[in-house]
Amino acid sequence: MKKIRKLLAALTAAAVLAGCAAVPAASADSASSAVPVISDDASGNLEVTVFKAGSADAILIETGQGAVVIDTGETSFGDNLVEALEAEGITELKALILTHFDADHVGGAAELLAKIRVDAVYQSDCPKDSDEYSAYVEALAEAGITADTVRTSTELAIGDASVRIDPPQQSDYSSNDSNNSSLIIELTWGSTRFLFAGDAMEQRIEEYLSENTGTFQFLKVPYHGRWQNGLKDLLEAVQPQIAVLTASSSEDTENTIQELQSLGAETYQTSSGTVHITSDGTSLTAVQD
């Protein structure tokens, strides 16, 4: 993990796209509901790394039993992500989870799939007509992987860490189809809980809160931390102790930061550096490069 922190002084990326199609080109017919147990026992700490990748999401989860990546940043970030994983000695991922197919979330996936062995891929049900999506589909085929399109709540385990992937309830939305199709991921390690909200916007936030309750010690703020309708409800429901925004330095996140600080949350923005969150199963600590 220290190697990653030394590597990431120069990592950058940017931007988002939007739109939705009917059926993904690379997907299983339905989500896998099986629980692939990666290891029987856990030891040590769990670390979550939220990379500095411009206005983009790229997140690594590590335990002593395996690693998972959530989103891969822009295409230009793919090499940096692979380099960081290899420097950490990671040659295999237990899972790659793509919250949705905007360029700033799926762009680095093709490079990752070409260089790192990935045991399973979980994806949103809203493909895109884009170069980044096409490259991802081609990389899946070359790796011999059939991605699971998550349409029902899906669980997996990394030793004693449990992951639940919550899918959108609708196949299309009245606005922002791609962002509102975001998978929302819950991670539990001991008594600590993490929530990764992709680019969920108002409709997706509302439906998630209608079916899910409870607080989380950590929150990856949706939609890069840009203020939006419904965000206040999510923050008040989650009550995070540590929150990370993935907006670029040029974006206005002042209202979001003020709301988080009013709730007592330690707040970080990846434009200032990669953020590392460590859990011993009871409490969290965070450091920023």
C-alpha atoms as a PDB file:
ATOM      1  CA  MET A   1       0.000   0.000   0.000  1.00  0.00           C
ATOM      2  CA  LYS A   2       2.918   2.339   0.653  1.00  0.00           C
ATOM      3  CA  LYS A   3       4.102   1.701  -2.914  1.00  0.00           C
ATOM      4  CA  ILE A   4       0.784   2.976  -4.258  1.00  0.00           C
ATOM      5  CA  ARG A   5       1.137   6.148  -2.219  1.00  0.00           C
ATOM      6  CA  LYS A   6       4.588   6.820  -3.703  1.00  0.00           C
ATOM      7  CA  LEU A   7       3.359   6.170  -7.230  1.00  0.00           C
ATOM      8  CA  LEU A   8       0.380   8.445  -7.345  1.00  0.00           C
ATOM      9  CA  ALA A   9       1.857  11.924  -7.296  1.00  0.00           C
ATOM     10  CA  ALA A  10       1.323  12.319 -11.053  1.00  0.00           C
ATOM     11  CA  LEU A  11      -2.015  10.617 -11.771  1.00  0.00           C
ATOM     12  CA  THR A  12      -4.666  12.684 -13.602  1.00  0.00           C
ATOM     13  CA  ALA A  13      -7.839  12.226 -15.781  1.00  0.00           C
ATOM     14  CA  ALA A  14     -11.206  13.973 -16.433  1.00  0.00           C
ATOM     15  CA  ALA A  15     -14.833  14.301 -17.704  1.00  0.00           C
ATOM     16  CA  VAL A  16     -18.177  12.435 -18.072  1.00  0.00           C
ATOM     17  CA  LEU A  17     -20.655  11.356 -20.773  1.00  0.00           C
ATOM     18  CA  ALA A  18     -24.298  10.148 -20.613  1.00  0.00           C
ATOM     19  CA  GLY A  19     -27.006   8.028 -22.317  1.00  0.00           C
ATOM     20  CA  CYS A  20     -28.608   4.564 -22.145  1.00  0.00           C
ATOM     21  CA  ALA A  21     -29.357   1.595 -24.391  1.00  0.00           C
ATOM     22  CA  ALA A  22     -31.636  -1.377 -23.944  1.00  0.00           C
ATOM     23  CA  VAL A  23     -29.454  -4.485 -23.535  1.00  0.00           C
ATOM     24  CA  PRO A  24     -25.682  -4.589 -22.886  1.00  0.00           C
ATOM     25  CA  ALA A  25     -23.523  -6.139 -25.594  1.00  0.00           C
ATOM     26  CA  ALA A  26     -21.428  -7.969 -23.008  1.00  0.00           C
ATOM     27  CA  SER A  27     -23.532  -9.307 -20.176  1.00  0.00           C
ATOM     28  CA  ALA A  28     -25.068 -12.355 -18.633  1.00  0.00           C
ATOM     29  CA  ASP A  29     -28.825 -12.680 -19.082  1.00  0.00           C
ATOM     30  CA  SER A  30     -29.313 -12.120 -15.382  1.00  0.00           C
ATOM     31  CA  ALA A  31     -27.226 -11.168 -12.392  1.00  0.00           C
ATOM     32  CA  SER A  32     -25.324 -13.854 -10.541  1.00  0.00           C
ATOM     33  CA  SER A  33     -26.767 -14.289  -7.053  1.00  0.00           C
ATOM     34  CA  ALA A  34     -24.136 -16.809  -5.959  1.00  0.00           C
ATOM     35  CA  VAL A  35     -21.641 -15.780  -3.278  1.00  0.00           C
ATOM     36  CA  PRO A  36     -18.080 -16.565  -4.467  1.00  0.00           C
ATOM     37  CA  VAL A  37     -16.169 -17.083  -1.212  1.00  0.00           C
ATOM     38  CA  ILE A  38     -12.620 -15.945  -1.736  1.00  0.00           C
ATOM     39  CA  SER A  39     -11.147 -17.067   1.574  1.00  0.00           C
ATOM     40  CA  ASP A  40     -12.340 -18.579   4.816  1.00  0.00           C
ATOM     41  CA  ASP A  41     -10.648 -16.254   7.250  1.00  0.00           C
ATOM     42  CA  ALA A  42      -9.521 -12.657   7.342  1.00  0.00           C
ATOM     43  CA  SER A  43      -6.580 -11.127   9.126  1.00  0.00           C
ATOM     44  CA  GLY A  44      -5.048  -7.693   9.364  1.00  0.00           C
ATOM     45  CA  ASN A  45      -6.702  -4.593   7.982  1.00  0.00           C
ATOM     46  CA  LEU A  46      -8.842  -3.660   5.040  1.00  0.00           C
ATOM     47  CA  GLU A  47      -7.706  -0.704   2.965  1.00  0.00           C
ATOM     48  CA  VAL A  48      -9.697   1.324   0.476  1.00  0.00           C
ATOM     49  CA  THR A  49      -7.743   3.528  -1.946  1.00  0.00           C
ATOM     50  CA  VAL A  50      -9.630   6.265  -3.808  1.00  0.00           C
ATOM     51  CA  PHE A  51      -7.236   7.340  -6.523  1.00  0.00           C
ATOM     52  CA  LYS A  52      -6.496  10.848  -7.680  1.00  0.00           C
ATOM     53  CA  ALA A  53      -7.786  10.461 -11.246  1.00  0.00           C
ATOM     54  CA  GLY A  54      -9.145  13.865 -12.197  1.00  0.00           C
ATOM     55  CA  SER A  55     -12.923  14.131 -12.214  1.00  0.00           C
ATOM     56  CA  ALA A  56     -13.250  10.349 -12.341  1.00  0.00           C
ATOM     57  CA  ASP A  57     -13.690   7.304 -10.111  1.00  0.00           C
ATOM     58  CA  ALA A  58     -11.094   4.578  -9.603  1.00  0.00           C
ATOM     59  CA  ILE A  59     -11.158   2.695  -6.300  1.00  0.00           C
ATOM     60  CA  LEU A  60      -9.198  -0.259  -4.937  1.00  0.00           C
ATOM     61  CA  ILE A  61     -10.310  -2.457  -2.038  1.00  0.00           C
ATOM     62  CA  GLU A  62      -7.653  -4.695  -0.454  1.00  0.00           C
ATOM     63  CA  THR A  63      -7.743  -7.336   2.243  1.00  0.00           C
ATOM     64  CA  GLY A  64      -5.289 -10.107   3.021  1.00  0.00           C
ATOM     65  CA  GLN A  65      -7.514 -12.403   0.972  1.00  0.00           C
ATOM     66  CA  GLY A  66      -7.865 -10.495  -2.274  1.00  0.00           C
ATOM     67  CA  ALA A  67      -8.530  -7.244  -4.082  1.00  0.00           C
ATOM     68  CA  VAL A  68     -11.482  -5.641  -5.864  1.00  0.00           C
ATOM     69  CA  VAL A  69     -11.566  -2.581  -8.117  1.00  0.00           C
ATOM     70  CA  ILE A  70     -14.623  -0.317  -8.405  1.00  0.00           C
ATOM     71  CA  ASP A  71     -14.493   1.764 -11.616  1.00  0.00           C
ATOM     72  CA  THR A  72     -11.345   2.539 -13.595  1.00  0.00           C
ATOM     73  CA  GLY A  73     -11.257   6.246 -14.429  1.00  0.00           C
ATOM     74  CA  GLU A  74     -10.732   7.652 -17.924  1.00  0.00           C
ATOM     75  CA  THR A  75      -8.877   5.773 -20.685  1.00  0.00           C
ATOM     76  CA  SER A  76      -5.766   7.813 -19.913  1.00  0.00           C
ATOM     77  CA  PHE A  77      -5.815   6.528 -16.332  1.00  0.00           C
ATOM     78  CA  GLY A  78      -5.733   2.840 -17.299  1.00  0.00           C
ATOM     79  CA  ASP A  79      -1.925   2.614 -17.424  1.00  0.00           C
ATOM     80  CA  ASN A  80      -1.622   4.401 -14.080  1.00  0.00           C
ATOM     81  CA  LEU A  81      -4.126   2.069 -12.452  1.00  0.00           C
ATOM     82  CA  VAL A  82      -2.352  -1.032 -13.740  1.00  0.00           C
ATOM     83  CA  GLU A  83       1.011   0.353 -12.636  1.00  0.00           C
ATOM     84  CA  ALA A  84      -0.321   1.043  -9.145  1.00  0.00           C
ATOM     85  CA  LEU A  85      -1.761  -2.476  -8.839  1.00  0.00           C
ATOM     86  CA  GLU A  86       1.439  -4.119 -10.072  1.00  0.00           C
ATOM     87  CA  ALA A  87       3.543  -2.019  -7.695  1.00  0.00           C
ATOM     88  CA  GLU A  88       1.363  -3.354  -4.906  1.00  0.00           C
ATOM     89  CA  GLY A  89       1.996  -6.912  -6.090  1.00  0.00           C
ATOM     90  CA  ILE A  90      -1.566  -7.345  -7.320  1.00  0.00           C
ATOM     91  CA  THR A  91      -1.663  -9.560 -10.427  1.00  0.00           C
ATOM     92  CA  GLU A  92      -5.236 -10.799  -9.932  1.00  0.00           C
ATOM     93  CA  LEU A  93      -8.514  -9.167  -8.945  1.00  0.00           C
ATOM     94  CA  LYS A  94     -11.315 -11.138  -7.385  1.00  0.00           C
ATOM     95  CA  ALA A  95     -13.772  -8.734  -8.991  1.00  0.00           C
ATOM     96  CA  LEU A  96     -14.060  -5.632 -11.141  1.00  0.00           C
ATOM     97  CA  ILE A  97     -17.261  -3.676 -10.492  1.00  0.00           C
ATOM     98  CA  LEU A  98     -18.284  -1.007 -13.001  1.00  0.00           C
ATOM     99  CA  THR A  99     -20.964   1.203 -11.507  1.00  0.00           C
ATOM    100  CA  HIS A 100     -21.969   2.499 -14.957  1.00  0.00           C
ATOM    101  CA  PHE A 101     -20.486   3.124 -18.380  1.00  0.00           C
ATOM    102  CA  ASP A 102     -19.609   6.806 -18.483  1.00  0.00           C
ATOM    103  CA  ALA A 103     -16.095   7.373 -19.796  1.00  0.00           C
ATOM    104  CA  ASP A 104     -14.787   8.517 -16.405  1.00  0.00           C
ATOM    105  CA  HIS A 105     -15.755   5.193 -14.845  1.00  0.00           C
ATOM    106  CA  VAL A 106     -15.148   2.600 -17.589  1.00  0.00           C
ATOM    107  CA  GLY A 107     -12.373   4.259 -19.598  1.00  0.00           C
ATOM    108  CA  GLY A 108      -9.475   2.392 -17.968  1.00  0.00           C
ATOM    109  CA  ALA A 109     -11.226  -0.989 -17.958  1.00  0.00           C
ATOM    110  CA  ALA A 110      -9.829  -2.223 -21.277  1.00  0.00           C
ATOM    111  CA  GLU A 111      -6.235  -1.662 -20.146  1.00  0.00           C
ATOM    112  CA  LEU A 112      -6.944  -3.258 -16.777  1.00  0.00           C
ATOM    113  CA  LEU A 113      -8.514  -6.357 -18.347  1.00  0.00           C
ATOM    114  CA  ALA A 114      -5.592  -6.684 -20.750  1.00  0.00           C
ATOM    115  CA  LYS A 115      -2.928  -6.568 -18.020  1.00  0.00           C
ATOM    116  CA  ILE A 116      -4.502  -7.922 -14.807  1.00  0.00           C
ATOM    117  CA  ARG A 117      -6.306 -11.233 -14.349  1.00  0.00           C
ATOM    118  CA  VAL A 118      -9.898 -10.578 -13.285  1.00  0.00           C
ATOM    119  CA  ASP A 119     -11.991 -13.434 -11.882  1.00  0.00           C
ATOM    120  CA  ALA A 120     -15.410 -11.785 -12.239  1.00  0.00           C
ATOM    121  CA  VAL A 121     -16.874  -8.590 -13.679  1.00  0.00           C
ATOM    122  CA  TYR A 122     -20.080  -6.986 -12.429  1.00  0.00           C
ATOM    123  CA  GLN A 123     -21.636  -4.230 -14.511  1.00  0.00           C
ATOM    124  CA  SER A 124     -24.578  -1.864 -14.751  1.00  0.00           C
ATOM    125  CA  ASP A 125     -27.490  -2.479 -17.116  1.00  0.00           C
ATOM    126  CA  CYS A 126     -27.059   0.651 -19.232  1.00  0.00           C
ATOM    127  CA  PRO A 127     -24.509   0.288 -22.058  1.00  0.00           C
ATOM    128  CA  LYS A 128     -23.310   3.236 -24.108  1.00  0.00           C
ATOM    129  CA  ASP A 129     -22.455   3.989 -27.700  1.00  0.00           C
ATOM    130  CA  SER A 130     -18.913   5.149 -27.006  1.00  0.00           C
ATOM    131  CA  ASP A 131     -15.332   4.265 -27.821  1.00  0.00           C
ATOM    132  CA  GLU A 132     -14.675   3.516 -24.139  1.00  0.00           C
ATOM    133  CA  TYR A 133     -17.572   1.082 -23.902  1.00  0.00           C
ATOM    134  CA  SER A 134     -16.604  -0.625 -27.184  1.00  0.00           C
ATOM    135  CA  ALA A 135     -13.007  -1.041 -25.985  1.00  0.00           C
ATOM    136  CA  TYR A 136     -14.270  -2.529 -22.726  1.00  0.00           C
ATOM    137  CA  VAL A 137     -16.517  -5.050 -24.539  1.00  0.00           C
ATOM    138  CA  GLU A 138     -13.620  -6.052 -26.790  1.00  0.00           C
ATOM    139  CA  ALA A 139     -11.315  -6.487 -23.799  1.00  0.00           C
ATOM    140  CA  LEU A 140     -13.888  -8.694 -22.073  1.00  0.00           C
ATOM    141  CA  ALA A 141     -14.020 -10.945 -25.128  1.00  0.00           C
ATOM    142  CA  GLU A 142     -10.242 -11.137 -25.387  1.00  0.00           C
ATOM    143  CA  ALA A 143     -10.025 -12.077 -21.702  1.00  0.00           C
ATOM    144  CA  GLY A 144     -12.737 -14.726 -22.133  1.00  0.00           C
ATOM    145  CA  ILE A 145     -14.973 -13.084 -19.534  1.00  0.00           C
ATOM    146  CA  THR A 146     -18.764 -12.865 -19.574  1.00  0.00           C
ATOM    147  CA  ALA A 147     -19.745  -9.975 -17.333  1.00  0.00           C
ATOM    148  CA  ASP A 148     -22.636 -10.290 -14.910  1.00  0.00           C
ATOM    149  CA  THR A 149     -25.174  -7.537 -15.470  1.00  0.00           C
ATOM    150  CA  VAL A 150     -26.517  -6.845 -11.994  1.00  0.00           C
ATOM    151  CA  ARG A 151     -30.308  -6.700 -11.976  1.00  0.00           C
ATOM    152  CA  THR A 152     -30.940  -8.129  -8.508  1.00  0.00           C
ATOM    153  CA  SER A 153     -29.112  -7.559  -5.241  1.00  0.00           C
ATOM    154  CA  THR A 154     -25.869  -9.514  -5.510  1.00  0.00           C
ATOM    155  CA  GLU A 155     -23.466 -10.491  -2.753  1.00  0.00           C
ATOM    156  CA  LEU A 156     -19.848 -11.600  -2.751  1.00  0.00           C
ATOM    157  CA  ALA A 157     -17.235 -12.116  -0.070  1.00  0.00           C
ATOM    158  CA  ILE A 158     -13.569 -11.292   0.282  1.00  0.00           C
ATOM    159  CA  GLY A 159     -12.726 -13.456   3.256  1.00  0.00           C
ATOM    160  CA  ASP A 160     -14.538 -11.839   6.159  1.00  0.00           C
ATOM    161  CA  ALA A 161     -15.360  -8.750   4.124  1.00  0.00           C
ATOM    162  CA  SER A 162     -18.810  -8.821   2.555  1.00  0.00           C
ATOM    163  CA  VAL A 163     -19.869  -6.860  -0.520  1.00  0.00           C
ATOM    164  CA  ARG A 164     -23.426  -6.191  -1.633  1.00  0.00           C
ATOM    165  CA  ILE A 165     -24.156  -4.701  -5.046  1.00  0.00           C
ATOM    166  CA  ASP A 166     -27.460  -2.844  -5.199  1.00  0.00           C
ATOM    167  CA  PRO A 167     -28.831  -2.395  -8.747  1.00  0.00           C
ATOM    168  CA  PRO A 168     -31.162   0.316 -10.070  1.00  0.00           C
ATOM    169  CA  GLN A 169     -34.839  -0.585  -9.963  1.00  0.00           C
ATOM    170  CA  GLN A 170     -35.700   0.881 -13.375  1.00  0.00           C
ATOM    171  CA  SER A 171     -34.477   0.157 -16.882  1.00  0.00           C
ATOM    172  CA  ASP A 172     -34.708   3.839 -17.799  1.00  0.00           C
ATOM    173  CA  TYR A 173     -35.136   7.134 -15.990  1.00  0.00           C
ATOM    174  CA  SER A 174     -36.770  10.414 -16.889  1.00  0.00           C
ATOM    175  CA  SER A 175     -33.354  12.103 -16.815  1.00  0.00           C
ATOM    176  CA  ASN A 176     -29.682  11.186 -16.531  1.00  0.00           C
ATOM    177  CA  ASP A 177     -30.201   7.533 -17.472  1.00  0.00           C
ATOM    178  CA  SER A 178     -26.540   6.607 -17.264  1.00  0.00           C
ATOM    179  CA  ASN A 179     -25.848   8.172 -13.878  1.00  0.00           C
ATOM    180  CA  ASN A 180     -29.107   6.930 -12.396  1.00  0.00           C
ATOM    181  CA  SER A 181     -28.273   3.416 -13.570  1.00  0.00           C
ATOM    182  CA  SER A 182     -25.304   3.384 -11.191  1.00  0.00           C
ATOM    183  CA  LEU A 183     -24.721   0.315  -9.094  1.00  0.00           C
ATOM    184  CA  ILE A 184     -24.402   1.209  -5.412  1.00  0.00           C
ATOM    185  CA  ILE A 185     -21.947  -0.930  -3.456  1.00  0.00           C
ATOM    186  CA  GLU A 186     -21.985  -1.656   0.261  1.00  0.00           C
ATOM    187  CA  LEU A 187     -18.872  -3.091   1.928  1.00  0.00           C
ATOM    188  CA  THR A 188     -18.751  -4.448   5.479  1.00  0.00           C
ATOM    189  CA  TRP A 189     -15.555  -5.270   7.372  1.00  0.00           C
ATOM    190  CA  GLY A 190     -16.132  -6.162  11.005  1.00  0.00           C
ATOM    191  CA  SER A 191     -18.374  -3.449  12.402  1.00  0.00           C
ATOM    192  CA  THR A 192     -17.268  -0.856   9.827  1.00  0.00           C
ATOM    193  CA  ARG A 193     -19.346  -0.130   6.731  1.00  0.00           C
ATOM    194  CA  PHE A 194     -18.464   1.573   3.443  1.00  0.00           C
ATOM    195  CA  LEU A 195     -20.843   2.950   0.792  1.00  0.00           C
ATOM    196  CA  PHE A 196     -19.770   3.620  -2.806  1.00  0.00           C
ATOM    197  CA  ALA A 197     -22.551   5.495  -4.600  1.00  0.00           C
ATOM    198  CA  GLY A 198     -21.213   5.757  -8.166  1.00  0.00           C
ATOM    199  CA  ASP A 199     -22.801   8.700  -9.967  1.00  0.00           C
ATOM    200  CA  ALA A 200     -26.248   8.167  -8.458  1.00  0.00           C
ATOM    201  CA  MET A 201     -28.500  11.168  -8.960  1.00  0.00           C
ATOM    202  CA  GLU A 202     -31.820  12.217  -7.452  1.00  0.00           C
ATOM    203  CA  GLN A 203     -34.031   9.350  -8.695  1.00  0.00           C
ATOM    204  CA  ARG A 204     -31.449   6.674  -7.907  1.00  0.00           C
ATOM    205  CA  ILE A 205     -30.761   8.143  -4.461  1.00  0.00           C
ATOM    206  CA  GLU A 206     -34.482   8.236  -3.704  1.00  0.00           C
ATOM    207  CA  GLU A 207     -35.069   4.613  -4.661  1.00  0.00           C
ATOM    208  CA  TYR A 208     -31.991   3.429  -2.762  1.00  0.00           C
ATOM    209  CA  LEU A 209     -33.074   5.206   0.410  1.00  0.00           C
ATOM    210  CA  SER A 210     -36.613   3.816   0.060  1.00  0.00           C
ATOM    211  CA  GLU A 211     -35.301   0.248   0.418  1.00  0.00           C
ATOM    212  CA  ASN A 212     -32.096   0.583   2.432  1.00  0.00           C
ATOM    213  CA  THR A 213     -31.479   1.952   5.887  1.00  0.00           C
ATOM    214  CA  GLY A 214     -28.561   2.244   8.248  1.00  0.00           C
ATOM    215  CA  THR A 215     -25.454   4.334   8.613  1.00  0.00           C
ATOM    216  CA  PHE A 216     -22.019   3.940   7.043  1.00  0.00           C
ATOM    217  CA  GLN A 217     -18.711   5.089   8.461  1.00  0.00           C
ATOM    218  CA  PHE A 218     -17.409   5.823   4.942  1.00  0.00           C
ATOM    219  CA  LEU A 219     -19.072   7.367   1.886  1.00  0.00           C
ATOM    220  CA  LYS A 220     -17.780   7.819  -1.638  1.00  0.00           C
ATOM    221  CA  VAL A 221     -20.052  10.745  -2.409  1.00  0.00           C
ATOM    222  CA  PRO A 222     -22.169  10.215  -5.559  1.00  0.00           C
ATOM    223  CA  TYR A 223     -21.671  12.188  -8.762  1.00  0.00           C
ATOM    224  CA  HIS A 224     -18.155  13.198  -7.705  1.00  0.00           C
ATOM    225  CA  GLY A 225     -19.507  15.306  -4.854  1.00  0.00           C
ATOM    226  CA  ARG A 226     -21.323  17.853  -6.960  1.00  0.00           C
ATOM    227  CA  TRP A 227     -24.306  19.262  -5.101  1.00  0.00           C
ATOM    228  CA  GLN A 228     -27.642  17.932  -6.343  1.00  0.00           C
ATOM    229  CA  ASN A 229     -31.216  17.335  -5.264  1.00  0.00           C
ATOM    230  CA  GLY A 230     -31.459  14.360  -2.934  1.00  0.00           C
ATOM    231  CA  LEU A 231     -27.859  14.528  -1.766  1.00  0.00           C
ATOM    232  CA  LYS A 232     -28.760  16.121   1.568  1.00  0.00           C
ATOM    233  CA  ASP A 233     -31.171  13.229   2.259  1.00  0.00           C
ATOM    234  CA  LEU A 234     -28.456  10.686   1.502  1.00  0.00           C
ATOM    235  CA  LEU A 235     -25.852  12.385   3.669  1.00  0.00           C
ATOM    236  CA  GLU A 236     -28.253  12.669   6.590  1.00  0.00           C
ATOM    237  CA  ALA A 237     -29.233   9.007   6.243  1.00  0.00           C
ATOM    238  CA  VAL A 238     -25.672   7.709   5.944  1.00  0.00           C
ATOM    239  CA  GLN A 239     -24.079   9.964   8.605  1.00  0.00           C
ATOM    240  CA  PRO A 240     -20.541   9.268   7.345  1.00  0.00           C
ATOM    241  CA  GLN A 241     -17.497   9.736   9.526  1.00  0.00           C
ATOM    242  CA  ILE A 242     -15.240   9.954   6.464  1.00  0.00           C
ATOM    243  CA  ALA A 243     -16.348  11.108   3.004  1.00  0.00           C
ATOM    244  CA  VAL A 244     -14.455  11.345  -0.282  1.00  0.00           C
ATOM    245  CA  LEU A 245     -15.334  13.518  -3.292  1.00  0.00           C
ATOM    246  CA  THR A 246     -13.792  12.733  -6.690  1.00  0.00           C
ATOM    247  CA  ALA A 247     -14.423  16.079  -8.403  1.00  0.00           C
ATOM    248  CA  SER A 248     -11.644  18.030 -10.066  1.00  0.00           C
ATOM    249  CA  SER A 249     -10.263  21.135  -8.387  1.00  0.00           C
ATOM    250  CA  SER A 250     -12.154  23.371 -10.826  1.00  0.00           C
ATOM    251  CA  GLU A 251     -15.584  22.078  -9.792  1.00  0.00           C
ATOM    252  CA  ASP A 252     -17.731  23.740  -7.158  1.00  0.00           C
ATOM    253  CA  THR A 253     -18.247  21.308  -4.284  1.00  0.00           C
ATOM    254  CA  GLU A 254     -18.538  23.929  -1.548  1.00  0.00           C
ATOM    255  CA  ASN A 255     -22.159  23.149  -0.602  1.00  0.00           C
ATOM    256  CA  THR A 256     -21.439  19.429  -0.374  1.00  0.00           C
ATOM    257  CA  ILE A 257     -18.359  19.964   1.760  1.00  0.00           C
ATOM    258  CA  GLN A 258     -20.239  22.340   4.065  1.00  0.00           C
ATOM    259  CA  GLU A 259     -23.062  19.817   4.523  1.00  0.00           C
ATOM    260  CA  LEU A 260     -20.620  17.001   5.268  1.00  0.00           C
ATOM    261  CA  GLN A 261     -18.703  19.099   7.754  1.00  0.00           C
ATOM    262  CA  SER A 262     -21.961  20.082   9.473  1.00  0.00           C
ATOM    263  CA  LEU A 263     -22.502  16.355  10.024  1.00  0.00           C
ATOM    264  CA  GLY A 264     -19.032  16.033  11.519  1.00  0.00           C
ATOM    265  CA  ALA A 265     -17.488  14.106   8.632  1.00  0.00           C
ATOM    266  CA  GLU A 266     -13.805  14.205   7.753  1.00  0.00           C
ATOM    267  CA  THR A 267     -13.976  15.305   4.119  1.00  0.00           C
ATOM    268  CA  TYR A 268     -11.420  14.704   1.377  1.00  0.00           C
ATOM    269  CA  GLN A 269     -11.328  15.559  -2.333  1.00  0.00           C
ATOM    270  CA  THR A 270      -9.102  13.517  -4.633  1.00  0.00           C
ATOM    271  CA  SER A 271      -8.063  16.616  -6.571  1.00  0.00           C
ATOM    272  CA  SER A 272      -5.727  17.157  -3.602  1.00  0.00           C
ATOM    273  CA  GLY A 273      -4.332  13.623  -3.694  1.00  0.00           C
ATOM    274  CA  THR A 274      -5.155   9.937  -3.442  1.00  0.00           C
ATOM    275  CA  VAL A 275      -7.033   9.019  -0.261  1.00  0.00           C
ATOM    276  CA  HIS A 276      -6.314   5.843   1.741  1.00  0.00           C
ATOM    277  CA  ILE A 277      -8.858   4.620   4.283  1.00  0.00           C
ATOM    278  CA  THR A 278      -7.890   1.796   6.639  1.00  0.00           C
ATOM    279  CA  SER A 279     -10.262  -0.271   8.770  1.00  0.00           C
ATOM    280  CA  ASP A 280      -9.221  -2.610  11.566  1.00  0.00           C
ATOM    281  CA  GLY A 281     -12.797  -3.870  11.719  1.00  0.00           C
ATOM    282  CA  THR A 282     -13.745  -1.441  14.477  1.00  0.00           C
ATOM    283  CA  SER A 283     -12.682   2.041  13.394  1.00  0.00           C
ATOM    284  CA  LEU A 284     -11.430   3.918  10.342  1.00  0.00           C
ATOM    285  CA  THR A 285      -8.437   6.129   9.699  1.00  0.00           C
ATOM    286  CA  ALA A 286      -7.738   8.164   6.581  1.00  0.00           C
ATOM    287  CA  VAL A 287      -4.607   9.685   5.076  1.00  0.00           C
ATOM    288  CA  GLN A 288      -4.157  11.650   1.858  1.00  0.00           C
ATOM    289  CA  ASP A 289      -1.061  11.705  -0.352  1.00  0.00           C
END
